[in-house]
N, C-alpha and C. Protein backbone atom coordinates (compact mmCIF):
# COMPACT_ATOMS: atom_id res chain seq x y z
N MET A 1 -3.01 5.59 15.62
CA MET A 1 -3.42 6.47 16.04
C MET A 1 -4.11 7.26 16.69
N ASP A 2 -5.05 6.86 17.44
CA ASP A 2 -6.86 7.56 17.20
C ASP A 2 -6.82 8.39 18.27
N ASP A 3 -7.10 9.92 17.68
CA ASP A 3 -7.90 10.75 18.47
C ASP A 3 -7.03 11.09 19.89
N TYR A 4 -5.94 11.33 19.32
CA TYR A 4 -4.96 11.85 20.33
C TYR A 4 -4.75 12.95 21.01
N ARG A 5 -4.18 13.36 21.99
CA ARG A 5 -4.45 14.17 22.91
C ARG A 5 -2.71 14.82 23.23
N PHE A 6 -1.82 14.50 22.49
CA PHE A 6 -0.65 14.63 22.70
C PHE A 6 -1.06 16.29 22.33
N ASP A 7 0.48 17.23 22.28
CA ASP A 7 0.65 18.15 21.97
C ASP A 7 1.52 17.25 20.51
N ARG A 8 2.56 16.69 20.85
CA ARG A 8 3.34 16.10 19.60
C ARG A 8 3.75 14.91 20.25
N VAL A 9 3.78 13.59 19.38
CA VAL A 9 4.75 12.55 19.00
C VAL A 9 6.06 12.69 18.31
N HIS A 10 7.18 12.21 18.58
CA HIS A 10 8.22 12.11 17.74
C HIS A 10 8.35 10.69 17.81
N LEU A 11 8.54 10.31 16.75
CA LEU A 11 8.54 9.01 15.82
C LEU A 11 9.85 8.79 16.14
N LYS A 12 11.01 8.69 17.01
CA LYS A 12 12.20 8.78 16.36
C LYS A 12 12.86 7.60 16.19
N TRP A 13 12.73 6.60 16.21
CA TRP A 13 13.30 5.73 15.91
C TRP A 13 11.95 3.96 16.18
N LEU A 14 11.90 3.79 15.19
CA LEU A 14 10.81 3.09 13.89
C LEU A 14 11.22 2.15 12.52
N PRO A 15 12.65 1.32 12.55
CA PRO A 15 12.85 1.57 11.19
C PRO A 15 12.32 -0.21 10.63
N LYS A 16 11.22 -0.54 11.32
CA LYS A 16 9.79 -1.59 10.52
C LYS A 16 8.64 -0.77 10.93
N LEU A 17 8.50 0.02 10.63
CA LEU A 17 7.29 1.19 10.54
C LEU A 17 7.27 1.04 8.89
N MET A 18 6.26 0.40 8.74
CA MET A 18 5.91 0.82 6.94
C MET A 18 4.51 1.61 6.63
N MET A 19 3.41 1.82 8.05
CA MET A 19 2.02 2.11 7.55
C MET A 19 1.36 2.78 9.09
N LEU A 20 1.31 4.91 9.04
CA LEU A 20 0.72 5.09 9.80
C LEU A 20 -0.43 5.36 9.59
N THR A 21 -1.30 5.51 10.74
CA THR A 21 -2.96 6.31 10.57
C THR A 21 -2.32 7.11 12.09
N LEU A 22 -3.21 8.51 11.20
CA LEU A 22 -3.65 9.65 12.63
C LEU A 22 -5.14 10.06 12.15
N ASP A 23 -5.83 9.26 13.05
CA ASP A 23 -7.00 10.55 13.11
C ASP A 23 -7.11 11.16 14.18
N MET A 24 -7.19 12.35 14.14
CA MET A 24 -7.95 13.00 15.45
C MET A 24 -7.00 13.81 15.71
N TRP A 25 -6.32 14.83 15.54
CA TRP A 25 -5.20 15.66 16.44
C TRP A 25 -5.55 16.81 17.14
N ILE A 26 -5.35 17.49 18.62
CA ILE A 26 -5.62 18.78 19.32
C ILE A 26 -4.47 19.87 18.85
N SER A 27 -3.40 19.61 18.79
CA SER A 27 -2.43 20.51 18.62
C SER A 27 -2.03 21.82 17.44
N GLN A 28 -1.54 22.87 17.84
CA GLN A 28 -1.96 23.51 17.23
C GLN A 28 -0.30 23.69 16.36
N GLN A 29 0.49 22.31 16.77
CA GLN A 29 1.34 22.25 15.98
C GLN A 29 1.22 21.44 14.97
N ASP A 30 2.27 20.91 14.68
CA ASP A 30 2.32 19.38 13.54
C ASP A 30 2.11 18.64 14.26
N PRO A 31 1.57 17.74 14.43
CA PRO A 31 0.52 16.88 15.34
C PRO A 31 1.97 15.37 15.41
N LEU A 32 2.86 15.23 14.58
CA LEU A 32 4.04 14.21 14.18
C LEU A 32 5.34 15.03 13.82
N SER A 33 6.33 14.35 14.46
CA SER A 33 7.53 14.64 13.58
C SER A 33 8.21 13.14 13.52
N PHE A 34 8.88 12.60 12.30
CA PHE A 34 9.81 11.74 12.30
C PHE A 34 10.78 11.98 12.20
N GLY A 35 12.27 10.86 12.87
CA GLY A 35 12.86 10.65 13.22
C GLY A 35 13.23 9.67 12.27
N TYR A 36 13.59 8.44 13.03
CA TYR A 36 14.40 6.93 11.46
C TYR A 36 13.09 6.62 11.24
N VAL A 37 12.45 6.09 10.08
CA VAL A 37 11.09 5.29 9.98
C VAL A 37 11.53 5.09 8.00
N PRO A 38 12.44 4.64 7.47
CA PRO A 38 13.09 4.24 6.34
C PRO A 38 12.06 3.48 5.62
N LEU A 39 10.91 2.61 6.57
CA LEU A 39 10.31 1.69 5.53
C LEU A 39 8.51 2.18 5.22
N LEU A 40 8.29 3.59 6.09
CA LEU A 40 7.05 4.53 5.84
C LEU A 40 6.50 4.77 4.54
N ARG A 41 5.94 3.93 3.77
CA ARG A 41 5.21 4.43 2.49
C ARG A 41 3.94 4.38 2.56
N SER A 42 2.52 4.56 3.62
CA SER A 42 1.19 4.55 3.91
C SER A 42 1.40 5.88 4.67
N LEU A 43 0.34 6.64 4.66
CA LEU A 43 0.22 7.57 5.25
C LEU A 43 -1.33 7.86 5.29
N SER A 44 -1.96 8.02 6.23
CA SER A 44 -3.53 8.42 5.96
C SER A 44 -3.77 9.26 7.63
N LEU A 45 -4.21 10.52 7.46
CA LEU A 45 -4.12 11.42 8.01
C LEU A 45 -4.99 11.78 8.35
N MET A 46 -6.86 12.12 9.17
CA MET A 46 -7.65 12.60 9.91
C MET A 46 -7.61 13.37 10.34
N ASN A 47 -8.65 14.82 10.06
CA ASN A 47 -8.66 15.75 11.10
C ASN A 47 -10.15 16.43 10.78
N THR A 48 -10.48 17.15 12.11
CA THR A 48 -11.64 18.23 11.74
C THR A 48 -10.35 19.46 12.16
N GLY A 49 -10.55 20.51 10.64
CA GLY A 49 -9.74 21.40 10.89
C GLY A 49 -10.99 22.08 11.28
N LEU A 50 -9.97 22.87 12.75
CA LEU A 50 -10.19 23.82 13.39
C LEU A 50 -10.19 25.45 13.16
N SER A 51 -10.63 25.97 14.00
CA SER A 51 -10.34 27.47 13.36
C SER A 51 -8.69 27.71 13.37
N TRP A 52 -8.32 27.53 15.02
CA TRP A 52 -6.25 27.48 15.51
C TRP A 52 -5.64 26.28 14.97
N HIS A 53 -6.09 25.31 14.25
CA HIS A 53 -5.04 24.44 13.57
C HIS A 53 -4.35 25.09 12.64
N LYS A 54 -2.99 24.86 12.79
CA LYS A 54 -2.24 25.30 12.25
C LYS A 54 -2.42 24.76 10.97
N MET A 55 -2.09 25.12 9.88
CA MET A 55 -1.80 24.49 8.51
C MET A 55 -0.35 23.78 7.50
N LEU A 56 -0.91 22.43 7.44
CA LEU A 56 -0.02 21.11 7.65
C LEU A 56 1.14 22.22 6.21
N LYS A 57 2.26 21.33 6.83
CA LYS A 57 2.98 21.82 5.01
C LYS A 57 3.34 20.72 5.03
N LEU A 58 3.20 19.72 3.93
CA LEU A 58 3.67 18.72 3.94
C LEU A 58 4.98 18.31 3.74
N ASN A 59 5.34 18.90 2.75
CA ASN A 59 7.46 18.61 3.22
C ASN A 59 7.62 18.93 4.19
N ASP A 60 7.46 19.85 4.95
CA ASP A 60 7.99 20.01 6.55
C ASP A 60 7.27 18.80 7.85
N PHE A 61 6.30 18.70 7.41
CA PHE A 61 5.85 17.29 8.06
C PHE A 61 6.00 16.14 7.52
N LEU A 62 6.82 16.03 6.40
CA LEU A 62 7.13 14.83 5.79
C LEU A 62 8.04 14.23 6.39
N GLY A 63 9.31 15.85 6.14
CA GLY A 63 10.65 15.36 6.39
C GLY A 63 11.58 14.63 4.87
N ASN A 64 12.12 13.64 5.49
CA ASN A 64 13.34 12.87 4.72
C ASN A 64 12.99 12.01 3.98
N PHE A 65 11.31 11.62 4.54
CA PHE A 65 11.50 9.92 3.62
C PHE A 65 10.23 9.90 3.08
N THR A 66 10.03 9.11 1.56
CA THR A 66 8.95 9.28 0.31
C THR A 66 7.99 8.62 0.81
N ILE A 67 6.97 8.57 0.61
CA ILE A 67 6.05 7.46 0.79
C ILE A 67 5.46 7.47 -0.44
N SER A 68 4.57 6.03 -0.36
CA SER A 68 3.73 5.36 -1.75
C SER A 68 2.06 5.96 -1.84
N SER A 69 1.61 5.83 -0.53
CA SER A 69 0.70 5.80 -0.35
C SER A 69 -0.35 7.33 0.45
N LEU A 70 -0.63 8.48 0.29
CA LEU A 70 -0.91 9.39 0.98
C LEU A 70 -2.57 9.35 1.18
N GLN A 71 -3.56 9.14 2.65
CA GLN A 71 -4.99 9.62 2.36
C GLN A 71 -5.09 10.70 3.53
N LEU A 72 -5.65 11.68 3.19
CA LEU A 72 -5.77 12.67 4.03
C LEU A 72 -7.19 12.53 3.97
N LYS A 73 -8.21 12.92 5.21
CA LYS A 73 -9.76 12.21 5.59
C LYS A 73 -9.91 14.20 6.46
N PHE A 74 -10.91 14.74 5.15
CA PHE A 74 -10.94 16.12 6.06
C PHE A 74 -12.82 15.87 6.95
N LYS A 75 -13.28 15.08 7.29
CA LYS A 75 -14.11 15.55 7.99
C LYS A 75 -15.24 16.18 6.92
N SER A 76 -15.59 16.60 5.98
CA SER A 76 -16.52 17.74 5.46
C SER A 76 -16.33 19.34 6.38
N GLU A 77 -15.06 19.36 6.58
CA GLU A 77 -14.24 20.94 7.22
C GLU A 77 -13.89 21.07 6.35
N LYS A 78 -12.78 22.23 7.07
CA LYS A 78 -11.64 23.00 6.85
C LYS A 78 -10.73 22.49 6.24
N ILE A 79 -9.91 22.60 5.25
CA ILE A 79 -9.10 21.91 4.41
C ILE A 79 -7.81 22.38 5.73
N TRP A 80 -6.95 21.09 6.08
CA TRP A 80 -5.61 21.74 7.22
C TRP A 80 -4.86 21.26 6.24
N VAL A 81 -4.40 21.69 4.97
CA VAL A 81 -3.19 21.10 4.27
C VAL A 81 -2.83 22.40 3.26
N LEU A 82 -2.25 22.91 3.76
CA LEU A 82 -1.17 23.57 2.68
C LEU A 82 -0.86 23.69 1.21
N PRO A 83 -1.06 24.05 0.37
CA PRO A 83 -0.51 23.94 -0.79
C PRO A 83 0.56 24.53 -0.88
N GLU A 84 1.79 23.17 -1.88
CA GLU A 84 3.20 24.00 -1.44
C GLU A 84 3.48 23.59 -3.33
N GLY A 85 4.88 24.14 -3.40
CA GLY A 85 5.09 23.87 -4.87
C GLY A 85 5.96 23.06 -5.23
N PRO A 86 6.14 22.69 -6.32
CA PRO A 86 6.39 21.81 -6.72
C PRO A 86 7.90 20.84 -6.59
N LYS A 87 8.47 22.02 -6.08
CA LYS A 87 9.91 22.04 -6.10
C LYS A 87 10.17 21.44 -4.46
N GLU A 88 9.55 22.01 -4.03
CA GLU A 88 9.08 21.80 -2.24
C GLU A 88 9.30 20.69 -2.09
N LEU A 89 7.74 19.81 -2.60
CA LEU A 89 7.11 18.71 -2.61
C LEU A 89 7.83 17.84 -3.71
N LEU A 90 9.00 17.45 -4.32
CA LEU A 90 9.36 16.19 -5.13
C LEU A 90 10.11 15.70 -3.90
N PRO A 91 11.10 15.97 -3.21
CA PRO A 91 11.91 15.00 -2.40
C PRO A 91 10.59 14.43 -1.95
N VAL A 92 9.77 14.69 -1.35
CA VAL A 92 8.87 13.14 -0.17
C VAL A 92 7.86 12.73 -1.36
N PHE A 93 7.49 13.22 -2.46
CA PHE A 93 6.07 13.15 -3.59
C PHE A 93 6.52 12.57 -4.66
N ARG A 94 8.44 11.95 -4.51
CA ARG A 94 8.50 11.52 -6.13
C ARG A 94 8.50 9.91 -6.10
N LYS A 95 8.32 9.21 -4.97
CA LYS A 95 7.74 7.84 -4.96
C LYS A 95 5.97 7.80 -5.07
N LEU A 96 5.50 8.85 -4.49
CA LEU A 96 3.99 8.96 -3.97
C LEU A 96 3.13 8.17 -5.56
N ARG A 97 2.73 7.20 -5.22
CA ARG A 97 1.33 6.51 -6.44
C ARG A 97 0.03 6.73 -6.42
N LEU A 98 -0.36 6.85 -5.11
CA LEU A 98 -1.79 6.43 -4.93
C LEU A 98 -2.39 7.91 -3.28
N VAL A 99 -3.05 8.59 -4.17
CA VAL A 99 -3.27 9.73 -3.29
C VAL A 99 -4.84 9.68 -2.80
N ASP A 100 -5.60 9.87 -2.13
CA ASP A 100 -6.75 9.62 -2.10
C ASP A 100 -7.98 10.73 -0.57
N LEU A 101 -8.17 11.48 -1.35
CA LEU A 101 -8.67 12.70 -0.35
C LEU A 101 -10.18 12.69 -0.36
N VAL A 102 -10.69 12.55 1.40
CA VAL A 102 -11.60 12.23 1.69
C VAL A 102 -12.74 13.27 1.87
N ASN A 103 -14.07 12.94 1.71
CA ASN A 103 -14.86 14.13 2.58
C ASN A 103 -14.32 15.50 2.18
N ILE A 104 -14.05 15.97 1.33
CA ILE A 104 -13.52 17.09 0.78
C ILE A 104 -15.34 18.08 0.83
N SER A 105 -15.25 19.14 1.32
CA SER A 105 -16.80 19.89 1.34
C SER A 105 -17.27 20.10 0.27
N GLU A 106 -18.15 20.03 0.35
CA GLU A 106 -18.92 20.29 -1.43
C GLU A 106 -18.40 21.95 -1.40
N GLU A 107 -18.17 23.30 -0.19
CA GLU A 107 -18.01 24.29 -0.71
C GLU A 107 -16.64 24.33 -0.59
N CYS A 108 -15.41 23.40 -0.81
CA CYS A 108 -14.53 23.73 -1.64
C CYS A 108 -14.22 23.78 -2.89
N ASP A 109 -13.14 25.03 -3.26
CA ASP A 109 -12.85 24.64 -4.94
C ASP A 109 -11.35 23.70 -4.54
N LEU A 110 -11.89 23.04 -5.67
CA LEU A 110 -10.85 21.75 -5.80
C LEU A 110 -9.33 22.50 -6.74
N ASN A 111 -9.39 23.69 -6.84
CA ASN A 111 -7.80 23.93 -7.40
C ASN A 111 -6.97 24.12 -6.40
N TRP A 112 -7.06 23.53 -5.46
CA TRP A 112 -6.18 23.86 -4.01
C TRP A 112 -5.48 21.95 -4.65
N THR A 113 -5.85 21.00 -4.88
CA THR A 113 -5.33 19.98 -5.44
C THR A 113 -4.58 20.01 -6.25
N MET A 114 -4.59 21.18 -6.70
CA MET A 114 -3.35 20.52 -8.45
C MET A 114 -2.11 20.50 -7.74
N PHE A 115 -1.34 21.12 -6.75
CA PHE A 115 -0.33 21.37 -6.12
C PHE A 115 0.64 19.65 -5.44
N ILE A 116 -0.83 18.81 -5.39
CA ILE A 116 -0.74 17.57 -5.58
C ILE A 116 -0.26 16.94 -7.17
N LEU A 117 -0.97 17.37 -7.79
CA LEU A 117 -0.58 16.24 -8.94
C LEU A 117 0.84 17.38 -9.50
N GLN A 118 1.05 18.18 -9.09
CA GLN A 118 2.07 19.07 -9.94
C GLN A 118 3.51 18.77 -8.92
N GLY A 119 3.23 18.10 -8.04
CA GLY A 119 4.09 18.03 -7.14
C GLY A 119 4.38 16.27 -6.88
N ALA A 120 3.67 15.32 -8.11
CA ALA A 120 3.89 14.19 -8.36
C ALA A 120 4.08 13.37 -9.08
N PRO A 121 5.07 13.83 -10.05
CA PRO A 121 5.05 13.06 -11.48
C PRO A 121 4.87 12.09 -11.58
N PHE A 122 4.76 10.39 -10.53
CA PHE A 122 4.71 9.86 -11.27
C PHE A 122 2.84 9.35 -10.54
N LEU A 123 2.16 10.36 -9.80
CA LEU A 123 0.91 9.52 -9.71
C LEU A 123 0.30 8.56 -10.65
N GLU A 124 -0.22 7.79 -9.97
CA GLU A 124 -1.00 6.62 -10.65
C GLU A 124 -2.39 6.44 -10.86
N GLU A 125 -2.39 6.93 -9.23
CA GLU A 125 -4.36 7.26 -9.15
C GLU A 125 -4.85 8.67 -8.18
N LEU A 126 -5.21 8.55 -8.60
CA LEU A 126 -5.80 10.16 -7.28
C LEU A 126 -7.46 9.63 -7.25
N ARG A 127 -7.98 9.77 -5.85
CA ARG A 127 -9.15 9.19 -5.44
C ARG A 127 -9.81 10.76 -4.87
N ILE A 128 -10.74 11.35 -5.49
CA ILE A 128 -11.36 12.25 -4.52
C ILE A 128 -12.88 12.30 -4.24
N THR A 129 -13.55 13.05 -2.72
CA THR A 129 -14.45 12.54 -2.57
C THR A 129 -15.00 13.64 -1.70
N VAL A 130 -16.10 14.14 -2.86
CA VAL A 130 -16.69 15.21 -2.19
C VAL A 130 -17.93 15.24 -1.96
N ARG A 131 -17.80 15.84 -0.38
CA ARG A 131 -19.45 16.21 -0.33
C ARG A 131 -19.65 16.36 1.35
N ASP A 132 -20.19 16.96 1.61
CA ASP A 132 -21.02 17.07 3.12
C ASP A 132 -21.20 15.95 3.96
N HIS A 133 -20.67 15.19 4.55
CA HIS A 133 -20.91 13.95 5.24
C HIS A 133 -21.74 14.65 6.60
N PHE A 134 -22.78 14.81 6.61
CA PHE A 134 -23.87 14.63 7.56
C PHE A 134 -23.46 13.99 9.15
N CYS A 135 -22.96 13.15 8.65
CA CYS A 135 -23.10 11.81 10.29
C CYS A 135 -21.76 12.30 10.42
N GLU A 136 -21.11 12.94 10.02
CA GLU A 136 -19.58 13.36 10.32
C GLU A 136 -19.08 14.72 10.87
N MET A 137 -20.40 15.53 10.03
CA MET A 137 -19.89 17.47 10.47
C MET A 137 -21.29 17.72 11.87
N LEU A 138 -20.52 18.44 12.32
CA LEU A 138 -21.01 19.56 13.34
C LEU A 138 -22.13 20.48 12.85
N VAL A 139 -23.37 20.47 12.66
CA VAL A 139 -23.89 21.14 12.18
C VAL A 139 -24.75 22.64 13.20
N ASP A 140 -24.62 21.99 14.35
CA ASP A 140 -25.20 22.90 15.35
C ASP A 140 -24.20 24.51 15.65
N GLU A 141 -24.79 25.64 15.14
CA GLU A 141 -24.08 26.92 15.08
C GLU A 141 -23.38 26.76 16.41
N GLU A 142 -24.22 27.19 17.70
CA GLU A 142 -23.40 27.19 18.69
C GLU A 142 -22.44 26.37 19.64
N LEU A 143 -22.79 24.66 18.74
CA LEU A 143 -22.27 24.01 19.06
C LEU A 143 -20.02 24.29 18.43
N ARG A 144 -20.58 24.55 17.14
CA ARG A 144 -18.96 24.81 16.49
C ARG A 144 -18.63 25.69 16.83
N ALA A 145 -19.21 26.90 17.22
CA ALA A 145 -18.24 27.93 17.73
C ALA A 145 -17.61 27.56 19.55
N GLN A 146 -18.51 27.32 20.04
CA GLN A 146 -17.78 26.52 21.53
C GLN A 146 -16.81 25.13 21.58
N TYR A 147 -17.00 24.65 20.26
CA TYR A 147 -15.56 24.17 19.93
C TYR A 147 -14.63 24.08 19.04
N ALA A 148 -14.65 25.34 18.48
CA ALA A 148 -13.62 26.39 17.66
C ALA A 148 -13.44 25.88 16.35
N TYR A 149 -14.92 25.36 15.66
CA TYR A 149 -14.78 25.46 14.57
C TYR A 149 -14.69 26.46 13.17
N SER A 150 -13.96 25.96 11.80
CA SER A 150 -13.64 27.37 11.52
C SER A 150 -14.78 27.78 11.06
N THR A 151 -15.38 29.00 11.12
CA THR A 151 -16.70 29.46 10.40
C THR A 151 -15.89 30.42 8.47
N GLU A 152 -14.64 30.31 9.10
CA GLU A 152 -14.52 30.55 7.22
C GLU A 152 -14.73 29.85 6.11
N LYS A 153 -14.94 29.86 5.37
CA LYS A 153 -14.45 29.12 4.06
C LYS A 153 -14.09 28.17 4.18
N LYS A 154 -13.46 26.76 3.64
CA LYS A 154 -13.67 25.55 4.05
C LYS A 154 -12.10 25.40 3.25
N VAL A 155 -12.27 25.45 2.09
CA VAL A 155 -10.38 26.04 1.26
C VAL A 155 -10.16 27.66 1.51
């Protein structure tokens, strides 16, 4: 799903879904909810964290299934994932083997990534790209204000 403008999509019954990519959402709530998706193993999420976006709690968001591959793309903007404790994440991260964090802003403190390492005891590969990618960023201050880009530190 790319650049979708729904409030929320409920994936109610997708027994053969193995991979899901969601690029950009405008919802002020969790963009997806999951019903029966027993084979879902790979999830890729990309969003520009705007000032009014809710911080995503991966434990609540991912629900009752486990993934082995997680990619989070931040477009060099505000982090939109809330750090959680290992106790909360272990049920959904117990099979997690690969995490790819893409285009984290250079002004971010990467200490928040520790929650992923602590919540995924069998993680085999962690990829992190830290950069301010000016092709993806909106740098004009008036446009940033108009589109509600965050003015806070990005993490």
